[in-house]
Amino acid sequence: MGKDTIKTPDGRYLVVKGRLWRCSNPDLPEQVYREQVKHLMSARRMVRDAKASRDESQEREARQQVDQAKRALGERGPVWWSDGEPDYTQCRIENTPYAEWYRSLQEASE
């Protein structure tokens, strides 16, 4: 995690530039997690290379592979928690139930 990236207290999201991004499912077996992260990084490199070569069909395929890996990690698709709480991925943190917690962190760092 970068120095400006923090995790919500419940471990569901990373806060990046004021937005929430869903974390990987912490219940994944370590081997599955490592394999999917490896797949994700490879797919991201494929996206980069396809963009550099301006190959739109290769980029589409690479982005599909990124999506597959993110879904396998639990970062997209159905949420991995079971308490019925909604998914706030990509929401501005001030528009979520995490707003007060985040505000208190900001005030403490001033």
Protein backbone atom coordinates (compact mmCIF):
# COMPACT_ATOMS: atom_id res chain seq x y z
CA MET A 1 0.00 0.00 0.00
CA GLY A 2 1.20 3.51 -0.78
CA LYS A 3 1.70 6.05 1.98
CA ASP A 4 -1.51 7.84 0.98
CA THR A 5 -3.52 4.61 0.91
CA ILE A 6 -5.33 3.40 4.00
CA LYS A 7 -7.69 0.52 4.69
CA THR A 8 -11.11 0.99 6.27
CA PRO A 9 -11.42 -0.42 9.81
CA ASP A 10 -13.51 -3.36 8.54
CA GLY A 11 -10.88 -4.24 5.92
CA ARG A 12 -13.32 -4.03 3.03
CA TYR A 13 -11.87 -1.04 1.20
CA LEU A 14 -8.74 0.89 0.42
CA VAL A 15 -9.12 4.66 0.39
CA VAL A 16 -7.28 6.11 -2.59
CA LYS A 17 -7.55 9.84 -3.33
CA GLY A 18 -10.82 10.05 -1.40
CA ARG A 19 -12.47 7.06 -3.11
CA LEU A 20 -13.19 3.57 -1.85
CA TRP A 21 -11.81 0.54 -3.72
CA ARG A 22 -12.78 -2.96 -2.65
CA CYS A 23 -10.00 -5.07 -1.13
CA SER A 24 -9.34 -8.68 -2.03
CA ASN A 25 -11.30 -11.31 -0.15
CA PRO A 26 -9.26 -12.01 2.99
CA ASP A 27 -10.67 -15.55 3.15
CA LEU A 28 -9.00 -16.65 -0.10
CA PRO A 29 -6.43 -19.38 0.40
CA GLU A 30 -2.92 -17.88 0.17
CA GLN A 31 -2.01 -19.93 -2.90
CA VAL A 32 -5.14 -18.81 -4.79
CA TYR A 33 -4.49 -15.21 -3.80
CA ARG A 34 -0.87 -15.35 -5.04
CA GLU A 35 -1.86 -17.01 -8.33
CA GLN A 36 -4.57 -14.43 -9.01
CA VAL A 37 -2.29 -11.51 -8.16
CA LYS A 38 0.30 -12.94 -10.55
CA HIS A 39 -2.40 -13.26 -13.23
CA LEU A 40 -3.59 -9.70 -12.53
CA MET A 41 -0.11 -8.22 -12.84
CA SER A 42 0.48 -10.11 -16.08
CA ALA A 43 -2.84 -8.90 -17.49
CA ARG A 44 -2.04 -5.31 -16.52
CA ARG A 45 1.28 -5.56 -18.37
CA MET A 46 -0.64 -6.88 -21.37
CA VAL A 47 -2.95 -3.84 -21.22
CA ARG A 48 0.08 -1.53 -21.11
CA ASP A 49 1.71 -3.27 -24.08
CA ALA A 50 -1.51 -3.33 -26.10
CA LYS A 51 -2.04 0.38 -25.49
CA ALA A 52 1.53 1.11 -26.55
CA SER A 53 1.05 -0.83 -29.78
CA ARG A 54 -2.47 0.60 -30.25
CA ASP A 55 -3.88 -2.88 -30.70
CA GLU A 56 -7.51 -2.46 -29.63
CA SER A 57 -8.47 -6.13 -29.80
CA GLN A 58 -5.42 -7.14 -27.74
CA GLU A 59 -6.27 -4.40 -25.24
CA ARG A 60 -9.88 -5.61 -24.95
CA GLU A 61 -8.67 -9.17 -24.31
CA ALA A 62 -6.14 -7.96 -21.73
CA ARG A 63 -8.78 -5.89 -19.94
CA GLN A 64 -11.04 -8.95 -19.81
CA GLN A 65 -8.20 -10.85 -18.15
CA VAL A 66 -7.75 -8.03 -15.62
CA ASP A 67 -11.47 -8.23 -14.88
CA GLN A 68 -11.34 -12.02 -14.46
CA ALA A 69 -8.46 -11.77 -11.99
CA LYS A 70 -10.14 -8.98 -10.02
CA ARG A 71 -13.34 -11.02 -9.82
CA ALA A 72 -11.39 -14.07 -8.63
CA LEU A 73 -9.78 -11.89 -5.96
CA GLY A 74 -13.18 -10.56 -4.85
CA GLU A 75 -12.40 -6.98 -5.89
CA ARG A 76 -15.26 -6.99 -8.43
CA GLY A 77 -18.49 -8.88 -8.79
CA PRO A 78 -20.49 -10.08 -5.79
CA VAL A 79 -19.21 -8.80 -2.45
CA TRP A 80 -17.29 -11.25 -0.30
CA TRP A 81 -18.88 -10.22 2.98
CA SER A 82 -22.16 -11.72 4.13
CA ASP A 83 -23.72 -9.14 6.45
CA GLY A 84 -25.86 -7.52 3.76
CA GLU A 85 -23.92 -4.25 3.67
CA PRO A 86 -23.87 -2.64 0.21
CA ASP A 87 -20.80 -2.17 -1.94
CA TYR A 88 -19.36 1.36 -1.91
CA THR A 89 -16.60 0.70 -4.45
CA GLN A 90 -15.63 3.86 -6.35
CA CYS A 91 -17.77 6.06 -4.10
CA ARG A 92 -16.33 9.24 -2.67
CA ILE A 93 -15.72 8.45 0.96
CA GLU A 94 -17.64 11.50 2.19
CA ASN A 95 -20.79 9.98 0.64
CA THR A 96 -20.50 6.72 2.58
CA PRO A 97 -20.87 5.48 6.17
CA TYR A 98 -17.06 5.76 6.42
CA ALA A 99 -17.16 9.56 6.17
CA GLU A 100 -16.96 10.32 9.89
CA TRP A 101 -14.16 7.80 10.47
CA TYR A 102 -12.16 9.29 7.59
CA ARG A 103 -12.81 12.86 8.76
CA SER A 104 -11.50 11.94 12.22
CA LEU A 105 -8.30 10.59 10.65
CA GLN A 106 -7.84 13.79 8.69
CA GLU A 107 -8.35 15.93 11.80
CA ALA A 108 -5.93 13.80 13.82
CA SER A 109 -3.21 14.28 11.21
CA GLU A 110 -3.51 18.09 11.20
